[in-house]
Amino acid sequence: EVDGSFDDAVDYLRKKGLAAASKKAGRVAAEGVVA
């Protein structure tokens, strides 16, 4: 519906009541440590 735009798709789903408000925390995608 939004020609592939990720942010617009999030808004589209929220307007339809299909998704809760969300924060982009980022995918945990690397190992190591936070110290």
PDB file of all heavy atoms in Angstrom:
ATOM      1  N   GLU A   1       0.817  -1.222   0.000  1.00  0.00           N
ATOM      2  CA  GLU A   1       0.000   0.000   0.000  1.00  0.00           C
ATOM      3  C   GLU A   1       0.851   1.274   0.000  1.00  0.00           C
ATOM      4  O   GLU A   1       0.415   2.325  -0.468  1.00  0.00           O
ATOM      5  CB  GLU A   1      -0.922   0.007   1.219  1.00  0.00           C
ATOM      6  CG  GLU A   1      -2.048  -1.008   1.168  1.00  0.00           C
ATOM      7  CD  GLU A   1      -3.131  -0.638   0.167  1.00  0.00           C
ATOM      8  OE1 GLU A   1      -3.260   0.565  -0.150  1.00  0.00           O
ATOM      9  OE2 GLU A   1      -3.833  -1.550  -0.306  1.00  0.00           O
ATOM     10  N   VAL A   2       2.060   1.180   0.564  1.00  0.00           N
ATOM     11  CA  VAL A   2       2.902   2.386   0.717  1.00  0.00           C
ATOM     12  C   VAL A   2       4.165   2.310  -0.144  1.00  0.00           C
ATOM     13  O   VAL A   2       5.163   2.965   0.138  1.00  0.00           O
ATOM     14  CB  VAL A   2       3.278   2.618   2.198  1.00  0.00           C
ATOM     15  CG1 VAL A   2       2.035   2.866   3.022  1.00  0.00           C
ATOM     16  CG2 VAL A   2       4.064   1.428   2.761  1.00  0.00           C
ATOM     17  N   ASP A   3       4.117   1.461  -1.180  1.00  0.00           N
ATOM     18  CA  ASP A   3       5.214   1.349  -2.149  1.00  0.00           C
ATOM     19  C   ASP A   3       6.538   0.964  -1.482  1.00  0.00           C
ATOM     20  O   ASP A   3       7.597   1.462  -1.849  1.00  0.00           O
ATOM     21  CB  ASP A   3       5.390   2.667  -2.910  1.00  0.00           C
ATOM     22  CG  ASP A   3       6.157   2.471  -4.219  1.00  0.00           C
ATOM     23  OD1 ASP A   3       6.142   1.342  -4.766  1.00  0.00           O
ATOM     24  OD2 ASP A   3       6.805   3.442  -4.665  1.00  0.00           O
ATOM     25  N   GLY A   4       6.465   0.113  -0.453  1.00  0.00           N
ATOM     26  CA  GLY A   4       7.669  -0.460   0.143  1.00  0.00           C
ATOM     27  C   GLY A   4       8.323   0.368   1.232  1.00  0.00           C
ATOM     28  O   GLY A   4       9.335  -0.057   1.797  1.00  0.00           O
ATOM     29  N   SER A   5       7.792   1.533   1.571  1.00  0.00           N
ATOM     30  CA  SER A   5       8.398   2.379   2.612  1.00  0.00           C
ATOM     31  C   SER A   5       8.174   1.754   3.985  1.00  0.00           C
ATOM     32  O   SER A   5       7.027   1.572   4.418  1.00  0.00           O
ATOM     33  CB  SER A   5       7.804   3.784   2.588  1.00  0.00           C
ATOM     34  OG  SER A   5       8.197   4.510   3.741  1.00  0.00           O
ATOM     35  N   PHE A   6       9.268   1.442   4.694  1.00  0.00           N
ATOM     36  CA  PHE A   6       9.161   0.744   5.974  1.00  0.00           C
ATOM     37  C   PHE A   6       8.424   1.591   7.012  1.00  0.00           C
ATOM     38  O   PHE A   6       7.483   1.130   7.672  1.00  0.00           O
ATOM     39  CB  PHE A   6      10.553   0.363   6.496  1.00  0.00           C
ATOM     40  CG  PHE A   6      10.518  -0.447   7.758  1.00  0.00           C
ATOM     41  CD1 PHE A   6      10.316  -1.815   7.709  1.00  0.00           C
ATOM     42  CD2 PHE A   6      10.686   0.148   8.991  1.00  0.00           C
ATOM     43  CE1 PHE A   6      10.263  -2.570   8.864  1.00  0.00           C
ATOM     44  CE2 PHE A   6      10.641  -0.598  10.157  1.00  0.00           C
ATOM     45  CZ  PHE A   6      10.436  -1.958  10.097  1.00  0.00           C
ATOM     46  N   ASP A   7       8.841   2.851   7.188  1.00  0.00           N
ATOM     47  CA  ASP A   7       8.216   3.723   8.188  1.00  0.00           C
ATOM     48  C   ASP A   7       6.737   3.952   7.886  1.00  0.00           C
ATOM     49  O   ASP A   7       5.895   3.942   8.794  1.00  0.00           O
ATOM     50  CB  ASP A   7       8.938   5.067   8.271  1.00  0.00           C
ATOM     51  CG  ASP A   7      10.281   4.959   8.969  1.00  0.00           C
ATOM     52  OD1 ASP A   7      10.523   3.956   9.663  1.00  0.00           O
ATOM     53  OD2 ASP A   7      11.087   5.893   8.822  1.00  0.00           O
ATOM     54  N   ASP A   8       6.417   4.155   6.611  1.00  0.00           N
ATOM     55  CA  ASP A   8       5.020   4.359   6.239  1.00  0.00           C
ATOM     56  C   ASP A   8       4.199   3.095   6.481  1.00  0.00           C
ATOM     57  O   ASP A   8       3.016   3.165   6.849  1.00  0.00           O
ATOM     58  CB  ASP A   8       4.913   4.770   4.763  1.00  0.00           C
ATOM     59  CG  ASP A   8       5.409   6.187   4.526  1.00  0.00           C
ATOM     60  OD1 ASP A   8       5.571   6.930   5.520  1.00  0.00           O
ATOM     61  OD2 ASP A   8       5.638   6.545   3.359  1.00  0.00           O
ATOM     62  N   ALA A   9       4.825   1.931   6.293  1.00  0.00           N
ATOM     63  CA  ALA A   9       4.126   0.669   6.539  1.00  0.00           C
ATOM     64  C   ALA A   9       3.826   0.491   8.024  1.00  0.00           C
ATOM     65  O   ALA A   9       2.750   0.002   8.402  1.00  0.00           O
ATOM     66  CB  ALA A   9       4.958  -0.507   6.025  1.00  0.00           C
ATOM     67  N   VAL A  10       4.775   0.904   8.880  1.00  0.00           N
ATOM     68  CA  VAL A  10       4.533   0.857  10.329  1.00  0.00           C
ATOM     69  C   VAL A  10       3.335   1.737  10.676  1.00  0.00           C
ATOM     70  O   VAL A  10       2.430   1.335  11.412  1.00  0.00           O
ATOM     71  CB  VAL A  10       5.785   1.319  11.109  1.00  0.00           C
ATOM     72  CG1 VAL A  10       5.454   1.463  12.599  1.00  0.00           C
ATOM     73  CG2 VAL A  10       6.922   0.323  10.930  1.00  0.00           C
ATOM     74  N   ASP A  11       3.317   2.963  10.129  1.00  0.00           N
ATOM     75  CA  ASP A  11       2.207   3.881  10.395  1.00  0.00           C
ATOM     76  C   ASP A  11       0.885   3.315   9.859  1.00  0.00           C
ATOM     77  O   ASP A  11      -0.169   3.444  10.497  1.00  0.00           O
ATOM     78  CB  ASP A  11       2.479   5.241   9.756  1.00  0.00           C
ATOM     79  CG  ASP A  11       3.571   6.008  10.492  1.00  0.00           C
ATOM     80  OD1 ASP A  11       3.939   5.581  11.604  1.00  0.00           O
ATOM     81  OD2 ASP A  11       4.047   7.025   9.946  1.00  0.00           O
ATOM     82  N   TYR A  12       0.921   2.723   8.679  1.00  0.00           N
ATOM     83  CA  TYR A  12      -0.275   2.122   8.073  1.00  0.00           C
ATOM     84  C   TYR A  12      -0.872   1.068   9.005  1.00  0.00           C
ATOM     85  O   TYR A  12      -2.092   1.064   9.260  1.00  0.00           O
ATOM     86  CB  TYR A  12       0.088   1.498   6.722  1.00  0.00           C
ATOM     87  CG  TYR A  12      -1.045   0.755   6.039  1.00  0.00           C
ATOM     88  CD1 TYR A  12      -1.876   1.401   5.129  1.00  0.00           C
ATOM     89  CD2 TYR A  12      -1.265  -0.602   6.312  1.00  0.00           C
ATOM     90  CE1 TYR A  12      -2.912   0.708   4.503  1.00  0.00           C
ATOM     91  CE2 TYR A  12      -2.297  -1.292   5.689  1.00  0.00           C
ATOM     92  CZ  TYR A  12      -3.116  -0.623   4.790  1.00  0.00           C
ATOM     93  OH  TYR A  12      -4.144  -1.304   4.175  1.00  0.00           O
ATOM     94  N   LEU A  13      -0.029   0.175   9.528  1.00  0.00           N
ATOM     95  CA  LEU A  13      -0.507  -0.879  10.416  1.00  0.00           C
ATOM     96  C   LEU A  13      -1.054  -0.314  11.718  1.00  0.00           C
ATOM     97  O   LEU A  13      -2.049  -0.792  12.256  1.00  0.00           O
ATOM     98  CB  LEU A  13       0.620  -1.879  10.696  1.00  0.00           C
ATOM     99  CG  LEU A  13       1.024  -2.754   9.505  1.00  0.00           C
ATOM    100  CD1 LEU A  13       2.323  -3.483   9.802  1.00  0.00           C
ATOM    101  CD2 LEU A  13      -0.081  -3.750   9.180  1.00  0.00           C
ATOM    102  N   ARG A  14      -0.393   0.736  12.229  1.00  0.00           N
ATOM    103  CA  ARG A  14      -0.866   1.350  13.470  1.00  0.00           C
ATOM    104  C   ARG A  14      -2.224   2.015  13.267  1.00  0.00           C
ATOM    105  O   ARG A  14      -3.099   1.940  14.129  1.00  0.00           O
ATOM    106  CB  ARG A  14       0.155   2.360  13.978  1.00  0.00           C
ATOM    107  CG  ARG A  14       1.455   1.719  14.477  1.00  0.00           C
ATOM    108  CD  ARG A  14       2.374   2.752  15.069  1.00  0.00           C
ATOM    109  NE  ARG A  14       1.729   3.446  16.171  1.00  0.00           N
ATOM    110  CZ  ARG A  14       2.037   4.676  16.576  1.00  0.00           C
ATOM    111  NH1 ARG A  14       2.969   5.354  15.949  1.00  0.00           N
ATOM    112  NH2 ARG A  14       1.409   5.219  17.587  1.00  0.00           N
ATOM    113  N   LYS A  15      -2.391   2.682  12.129  1.00  0.00           N
ATOM    114  CA  LYS A  15      -3.673   3.334  11.846  1.00  0.00           C
ATOM    115  C   LYS A  15      -4.799   2.312  11.732  1.00  0.00           C
ATOM    116  O   LYS A  15      -5.949   2.596  12.070  1.00  0.00           O
ATOM    117  CB  LYS A  15      -3.568   4.141  10.545  1.00  0.00           C
ATOM    118  CG  LYS A  15      -2.698   5.384  10.663  1.00  0.00           C
ATOM    119  CD  LYS A  15      -2.496   6.040   9.303  1.00  0.00           C
ATOM    120  CE  LYS A  15      -1.519   7.196   9.385  1.00  0.00           C
ATOM    121  NZ  LYS A  15      -1.257   7.815   8.063  1.00  0.00           N
ATOM    122  N   LYS A  16      -4.484   1.130  11.255  1.00  0.00           N
ATOM    123  CA  LYS A  16      -5.471   0.061  11.135  1.00  0.00           C
ATOM    124  C   LYS A  16      -5.661  -0.685  12.454  1.00  0.00           C
ATOM    125  O   LYS A  16      -6.465  -1.617  12.538  1.00  0.00           O
ATOM    126  CB  LYS A  16      -5.036  -0.930  10.041  1.00  0.00           C
ATOM    127  CG  LYS A  16      -4.962  -0.341   8.644  1.00  0.00           C
ATOM    128  CD  LYS A  16      -6.335   0.054   8.131  1.00  0.00           C
ATOM    129  CE  LYS A  16      -6.266   0.538   6.698  1.00  0.00           C
ATOM    130  NZ  LYS A  16      -7.592   0.940   6.180  1.00  0.00           N
ATOM    131  N   GLY A  17      -4.896  -0.290  13.471  1.00  0.00           N
ATOM    132  CA  GLY A  17      -4.990  -0.968  14.758  1.00  0.00           C
ATOM    133  C   GLY A  17      -4.339  -2.326  14.768  1.00  0.00           C
ATOM    134  O   GLY A  17      -4.615  -3.162  15.633  1.00  0.00           O
ATOM    135  N   LEU A  18      -3.451  -2.585  13.807  1.00  0.00           N
ATOM    136  CA  LEU A  18      -2.813  -3.899  13.682  1.00  0.00           C
ATOM    137  C   LEU A  18      -1.433  -3.947  14.322  1.00  0.00           C
ATOM    138  O   LEU A  18      -0.792  -4.987  14.359  1.00  0.00           O
ATOM    139  CB  LEU A  18      -2.694  -4.282  12.203  1.00  0.00           C
ATOM    140  CG  LEU A  18      -4.021  -4.418  11.460  1.00  0.00           C
ATOM    141  CD1 LEU A  18      -3.775  -4.611   9.966  1.00  0.00           C
ATOM    142  CD2 LEU A  18      -4.831  -5.579  12.030  1.00  0.00           C
ATOM    143  N   ALA A  19      -0.962  -2.795  14.813  1.00  0.00           N
ATOM    144  CA  ALA A  19       0.365  -2.760  15.440  1.00  0.00           C
ATOM    145  C   ALA A  19       0.367  -1.718  16.539  1.00  0.00           C
ATOM    146  O   ALA A  19      -0.278  -0.676  16.437  1.00  0.00           O
ATOM    147  CB  ALA A  19       1.438  -2.432  14.400  1.00  0.00           C
ATOM    148  N   ALA A  20       1.101  -1.996  17.587  1.00  0.00           N
ATOM    149  CA  ALA A  20       1.254  -1.039  18.676  1.00  0.00           C
ATOM    150  C   ALA A  20       2.342  -0.044  18.333  1.00  0.00           C
ATOM    151  O   ALA A  20       3.180  -0.297  17.466  1.00  0.00           O
ATOM    152  CB  ALA A  20       1.614  -1.769  19.965  1.00  0.00           C
ATOM    153  N   ALA A  21       2.326   1.126  18.992  1.00  0.00           N
ATOM    154  CA  ALA A  21       3.424   2.075  18.824  1.00  0.00           C
ATOM    155  C   ALA A  21       4.716   1.382  19.183  1.00  0.00           C
ATOM    156  O   ALA A  21       4.796   0.649  20.160  1.00  0.00           O
ATOM    157  CB  ALA A  21       3.201   3.286  19.722  1.00  0.00           C
ATOM    158  N   SER A  22       5.739   1.586  18.392  1.00  0.00           N
ATOM    159  CA  SER A  22       6.979   0.862  18.641  1.00  0.00           C
ATOM    160  C   SER A  22       8.181   1.763  18.469  1.00  0.00           C
ATOM    161  O   SER A  22       8.141   2.767  17.783  1.00  0.00           O
ATOM    162  CB  SER A  22       7.097  -0.337  17.691  1.00  0.00           C
ATOM    163  OG  SER A  22       7.095   0.108  16.367  1.00  0.00           O
ATOM    164  N   LYS A  23       9.252   1.389  19.127  1.00  0.00           N
ATOM    165  CA  LYS A  23      10.524   2.093  19.012  1.00  0.00           C
ATOM    166  C   LYS A  23      11.474   1.181  18.246  1.00  0.00           C
ATOM    167  O   LYS A  23      11.488  -0.032  18.439  1.00  0.00           O
ATOM    168  CB  LYS A  23      11.110   2.391  20.401  1.00  0.00           C
ATOM    169  CG  LYS A  23      10.172   3.168  21.294  1.00  0.00           C
ATOM    170  CD  LYS A  23      10.838   3.480  22.606  1.00  0.00           C
ATOM    171  CE  LYS A  23      10.960   2.255  23.485  1.00  0.00           C
ATOM    172  NZ  LYS A  23       9.685   1.822  24.021  1.00  0.00           N
ATOM    173  N   LYS A  24      12.254   1.799  17.398  1.00  0.00           N
ATOM    174  CA  LYS A  24      13.252   1.010  16.693  1.00  0.00           C
ATOM    175  C   LYS A  24      14.461   0.862  17.595  1.00  0.00           C
ATOM    176  O   LYS A  24      15.277   1.751  17.719  1.00  0.00           O
ATOM    177  CB  LYS A  24      13.646   1.697  15.387  1.00  0.00           C
ATOM    178  CG  LYS A  24      12.534   1.706  14.348  1.00  0.00           C
ATOM    179  CD  LYS A  24      13.035   2.332  13.067  1.00  0.00           C
ATOM    180  CE  LYS A  24      11.937   2.328  12.024  1.00  0.00           C
ATOM    181  NZ  LYS A  24      12.386   2.950  10.773  1.00  0.00           N
ATOM    182  N   ALA A  25      14.600  -0.284  18.232  1.00  0.00           N
ATOM    183  CA  ALA A  25      15.736  -0.509  19.119  1.00  0.00           C
ATOM    184  C   ALA A  25      16.903  -1.105  18.346  1.00  0.00           C
ATOM    185  O   ALA A  25      18.024  -1.127  18.835  1.00  0.00           O
ATOM    186  CB  ALA A  25      15.336  -1.444  20.254  1.00  0.00           C
ATOM    187  N   GLY A  26      16.646  -1.594  17.128  1.00  0.00           N
ATOM    188  CA  GLY A  26      17.728  -2.219  16.368  1.00  0.00           C
ATOM    189  C   GLY A  26      17.824  -3.706  16.707  1.00  0.00           C
ATOM    190  O   GLY A  26      17.578  -4.113  17.840  1.00  0.00           O
ATOM    191  N   ARG A  27      18.170  -4.506  15.727  1.00  0.00           N
ATOM    192  CA  ARG A  27      18.340  -5.937  15.941  1.00  0.00           C
ATOM    193  C   ARG A  27      19.690  -6.208  16.582  1.00  0.00           C
ATOM    194  O   ARG A  27      20.701  -5.657  16.182  1.00  0.00           O
ATOM    195  CB  ARG A  27      18.273  -6.658  14.590  1.00  0.00           C
ATOM    196  CG  ARG A  27      16.947  -6.514  13.867  1.00  0.00           C
ATOM    197  CD  ARG A  27      15.897  -7.408  14.463  1.00  0.00           C
ATOM    198  NE  ARG A  27      16.349  -8.786  14.479  1.00  0.00           N
ATOM    199  CZ  ARG A  27      16.287  -9.591  13.413  1.00  0.00           C
ATOM    200  NH1 ARG A  27      15.833  -9.140  12.268  1.00  0.00           N
ATOM    201  NH2 ARG A  27      16.715 -10.835  13.486  1.00  0.00           N
ATOM    202  N   VAL A  28      19.696  -7.055  17.619  1.00  0.00           N
ATOM    203  CA  VAL A  28      20.962  -7.491  18.190  1.00  0.00           C
ATOM    204  C   VAL A  28      21.601  -8.423  17.177  1.00  0.00           C
ATOM    205  O   VAL A  28      21.124  -9.523  16.943  1.00  0.00           O
ATOM    206  CB  VAL A  28      20.753  -8.218  19.530  1.00  0.00           C
ATOM    207  CG1 VAL A  28      22.068  -8.779  20.039  1.00  0.00           C
ATOM    208  CG2 VAL A  28      20.159  -7.266  20.557  1.00  0.00           C
ATOM    209  N   ALA A  29      22.673  -7.951  16.536  1.00  0.00           N
ATOM    210  CA  ALA A  29      23.194  -8.666  15.377  1.00  0.00           C
ATOM    211  C   ALA A  29      24.702  -8.843  15.411  1.00  0.00           C
ATOM    212  O   ALA A  29      25.302  -9.114  14.388  1.00  0.00           O
ATOM    213  CB  ALA A  29      22.796  -7.922  14.106  1.00  0.00           C
ATOM    214  N   ALA A  30      25.325  -8.674  16.564  1.00  0.00           N
ATOM    215  CA  ALA A  30      26.771  -8.871  16.700  1.00  0.00           C
ATOM    216  C   ALA A  30      27.061  -9.327  18.114  1.00  0.00           C
ATOM    217  O   ALA A  30      26.334  -9.011  19.045  1.00  0.00           O
ATOM    218  CB  ALA A  30      27.525  -7.585  16.391  1.00  0.00           C
ATOM    219  N   GLU A  31      28.146 -10.082  18.261  1.00  0.00           N
ATOM    220  CA  GLU A  31      28.536 -10.577  19.581  1.00  0.00           C
ATOM    221  C   GLU A  31      29.597  -9.670  20.195  1.00  0.00           C
ATOM    222  O   GLU A  31      30.027  -8.686  19.603  1.00  0.00           O
ATOM    223  CB  GLU A  31      29.045 -12.015  19.455  1.00  0.00           C
ATOM    224  CG  GLU A  31      28.042 -12.969  18.841  1.00  0.00           C
ATOM    225  CD  GLU A  31      26.742 -13.074  19.612  1.00  0.00           C
ATOM    226  OE1 GLU A  31      26.743 -12.769  20.823  1.00  0.00           O
ATOM    227  OE2 GLU A  31      25.724 -13.448  19.010  1.00  0.00           O
ATOM    228  N   GLY A  32      30.044 -10.039  21.386  1.00  0.00           N
ATOM    229  CA  GLY A  32      31.021  -9.236  22.106  1.00  0.00           C
ATOM    230  C   GLY A  32      30.487  -8.873  23.466  1.00  0.00           C
ATOM    231  O   GLY A  32      29.862  -9.695  24.134  1.00  0.00           O
ATOM    232  N   VAL A  33      30.677  -7.610  23.869  1.00  0.00           N
ATOM    233  CA  VAL A  33      30.247  -7.218  25.208  1.00  0.00           C
ATOM    234  C   VAL A  33      30.005  -5.720  25.270  1.00  0.00           C
ATOM    235  O   VAL A  33      30.642  -4.931  24.570  1.00  0.00           O
ATOM    236  CB  VAL A  33      31.318  -7.629  26.252  1.00  0.00           C
ATOM    237  CG1 VAL A  33      32.578  -6.789  26.117  1.00  0.00           C
ATOM    238  CG2 VAL A  33      30.782  -7.548  27.676  1.00  0.00           C
ATOM    239  N   VAL A  34      29.054  -5.332  26.110  1.00  0.00           N
ATOM    240  CA  VAL A  34      28.881  -3.947  26.532  1.00  0.00           C
ATOM    241  C   VAL A  34      29.314  -3.894  27.995  1.00  0.00           C
ATOM    242  O   VAL A  34      28.817  -4.663  28.832  1.00  0.00           O
ATOM    243  CB  VAL A  34      27.419  -3.474  26.396  1.00  0.00           C
ATOM    244  CG1 VAL A  34      27.252  -2.081  26.993  1.00  0.00           C
ATOM    245  CG2 VAL A  34      26.991  -3.484  24.931  1.00  0.00           C
ATOM    246  N   ALA A  35      30.253  -3.021  28.296  1.00  0.00           N
ATOM    247  CA  ALA A  35      30.804  -2.930  29.650  1.00  0.00           C
ATOM    248  C   ALA A  35      30.676  -1.508  30.171  1.00  0.00           C
ATOM    249  O   ALA A  35      30.608  -0.545  29.392  1.00  0.00           O
ATOM    250  CB  ALA A  35      32.272  -3.359  29.658  1.00  0.00           C
TER     251      ALA A  35
END
